[in-house]
Amino acid sequence: MIISVPEFGEKQEKTAKVAQVGVCDVVHDGVHDIRMSEMMKKIIMLLIDPKSTPQLLAKLGYPRRTRNYEAAIKGLLDFKLIEMTLPDKPRSKNQQYRLTEKGKDLIDGIS
């Protein structure tokens, strides 16, 4: 696909048409499919009860935090499937993660 850049003096219509390429014409209700990694699925299933990072890592069989674990936790937090028990202190040694209502609904749908 070739996209031409408008020169000075050309009409804005061409620019507007180019900008519309790839814009979704359908109205969404805000619900989209969530792509979850295997690590995310494992963490979700472990969080029936709130757990700390060391508890989760022990259950997952990891001796320390990995990038995969960190990415999974960040993704779950971003999707609002889990939440921190101490959101004002994200680096607290007492920090734990728990399922949100959205996360519980997801587990109910899987089970």
Protein backbone atom coordinates (compact mmCIF):
# COMPACT_ATOMS: atom_id res chain seq x y z
CA MET A 1 0.00 0.00 0.00
CA ILE A 2 1.38 3.41 -0.96
CA ILE A 3 0.38 6.42 1.09
CA SER A 4 1.06 9.84 -0.35
CA VAL A 5 1.89 12.75 1.90
CA PRO A 6 -0.06 15.91 1.05
CA GLU A 7 1.89 18.92 -0.10
CA PHE A 8 1.18 22.50 0.94
CA GLY A 9 -1.94 23.81 -0.75
CA GLU A 10 -3.55 20.39 -1.29
CA LYS A 11 -6.97 19.77 0.14
CA GLN A 12 -7.29 18.15 3.57
CA GLU A 13 -9.70 15.51 2.17
CA LYS A 14 -6.83 13.28 1.08
CA THR A 15 -5.24 13.46 4.52
CA ALA A 16 -8.53 12.63 6.23
CA LYS A 17 -9.02 9.55 4.05
CA VAL A 18 -5.53 8.28 4.89
CA ALA A 19 -6.14 8.82 8.60
CA GLN A 20 -9.30 6.72 8.48
CA VAL A 21 -7.49 3.60 7.30
CA GLY A 22 -7.64 0.99 10.04
CA VAL A 23 -10.24 2.81 12.12
CA CYS A 24 -12.91 0.44 13.39
CA ASP A 25 -16.37 1.37 12.12
CA VAL A 26 -18.18 -0.72 14.72
CA VAL A 27 -19.15 0.53 18.16
CA HIS A 28 -17.69 -1.68 20.91
CA ASP A 29 -19.12 -2.28 24.33
CA GLY A 30 -15.66 -2.24 25.93
CA VAL A 31 -15.40 -6.02 26.27
CA HIS A 32 -12.48 -7.54 24.42
CA ASP A 33 -10.87 -10.94 24.50
CA ILE A 34 -8.02 -11.11 26.96
CA ARG A 35 -4.98 -13.01 25.75
CA MET A 36 -3.43 -14.75 28.70
CA SER A 37 -0.10 -16.52 28.82
CA GLU A 38 0.30 -19.87 30.55
CA MET A 39 1.99 -18.09 33.44
CA MET A 40 -0.97 -15.74 33.81
CA LYS A 41 -3.38 -18.69 33.85
CA LYS A 42 -1.33 -20.47 36.52
CA ILE A 43 -1.20 -17.35 38.70
CA ILE A 44 -4.94 -16.76 38.38
CA MET A 45 -5.67 -20.32 39.46
CA LEU A 46 -3.32 -19.97 42.47
CA LEU A 47 -4.97 -16.79 43.68
CA ILE A 48 -8.13 -18.36 45.07
CA ASP A 49 -6.74 -16.99 48.35
CA PRO A 50 -4.48 -13.89 48.50
CA LYS A 51 -0.78 -14.74 48.17
CA SER A 52 2.51 -12.87 48.32
CA THR A 53 5.14 -13.00 45.59
CA PRO A 54 7.31 -15.51 47.53
CA GLN A 55 4.26 -17.76 48.02
CA LEU A 56 3.37 -17.57 44.32
CA LEU A 57 6.94 -18.24 43.23
CA ALA A 58 7.16 -21.28 45.54
CA LYS A 59 3.89 -22.69 44.14
CA LEU A 60 5.12 -22.06 40.58
CA GLY A 61 8.44 -23.73 41.34
CA TYR A 62 10.67 -20.70 40.78
CA PRO A 63 13.53 -19.85 43.15
CA ARG A 64 13.33 -16.11 42.30
CA ARG A 65 11.36 -13.60 40.26
CA THR A 66 11.65 -14.00 36.52
CA ARG A 67 10.79 -11.59 33.73
CA ASN A 68 8.02 -13.96 32.73
CA TYR A 69 6.54 -13.77 36.24
CA GLU A 70 6.86 -9.98 36.38
CA ALA A 71 5.22 -9.60 32.95
CA ALA A 72 2.38 -11.91 33.97
CA ILE A 73 1.70 -9.99 37.20
CA LYS A 74 1.82 -6.66 35.34
CA GLY A 75 -0.57 -7.98 32.67
CA LEU A 76 -3.02 -9.31 35.25
CA LEU A 77 -2.93 -5.99 37.11
CA ASP A 78 -3.42 -4.06 33.84
CA PHE A 79 -6.41 -6.27 32.89
CA LYS A 80 -7.73 -5.69 36.43
CA LEU A 81 -7.99 -9.44 37.02
CA ILE A 82 -5.93 -9.15 40.20
CA GLU A 83 -5.21 -6.35 42.62
CA MET A 84 -2.72 -5.55 45.34
CA THR A 85 -3.82 -5.85 48.94
CA LEU A 86 -1.71 -2.76 49.74
CA PRO A 87 -2.02 -0.59 46.61
CA ASP A 88 -0.39 2.41 48.31
CA LYS A 89 2.73 0.35 49.10
CA PRO A 90 3.54 -1.74 46.01
CA ARG A 91 7.01 -2.73 47.30
CA SER A 92 5.94 -3.65 50.84
CA LYS A 93 7.15 -6.99 52.21
CA ASN A 94 3.53 -7.58 53.27
CA GLN A 95 2.19 -7.05 49.74
CA GLN A 96 -0.15 -9.74 48.46
CA TYR A 97 -2.21 -10.20 45.33
CA ARG A 98 -5.86 -11.21 45.22
CA LEU A 99 -8.47 -11.76 42.54
CA THR A 100 -10.83 -8.96 41.61
CA GLU A 101 -14.49 -9.63 40.82
CA LYS A 102 -13.51 -9.69 37.15
CA GLY A 103 -10.86 -12.31 37.93
CA LYS A 104 -13.32 -14.41 39.94
CA ASP A 105 -15.80 -14.26 37.05
CA LEU A 106 -13.05 -15.43 34.70
CA ILE A 107 -12.27 -18.42 36.93
CA ASP A 108 -15.97 -19.27 37.17
CA GLY A 109 -16.12 -19.25 33.38
CA ILE A 110 -13.11 -21.58 33.12
CA SER A 111 -14.32 -24.05 35.76
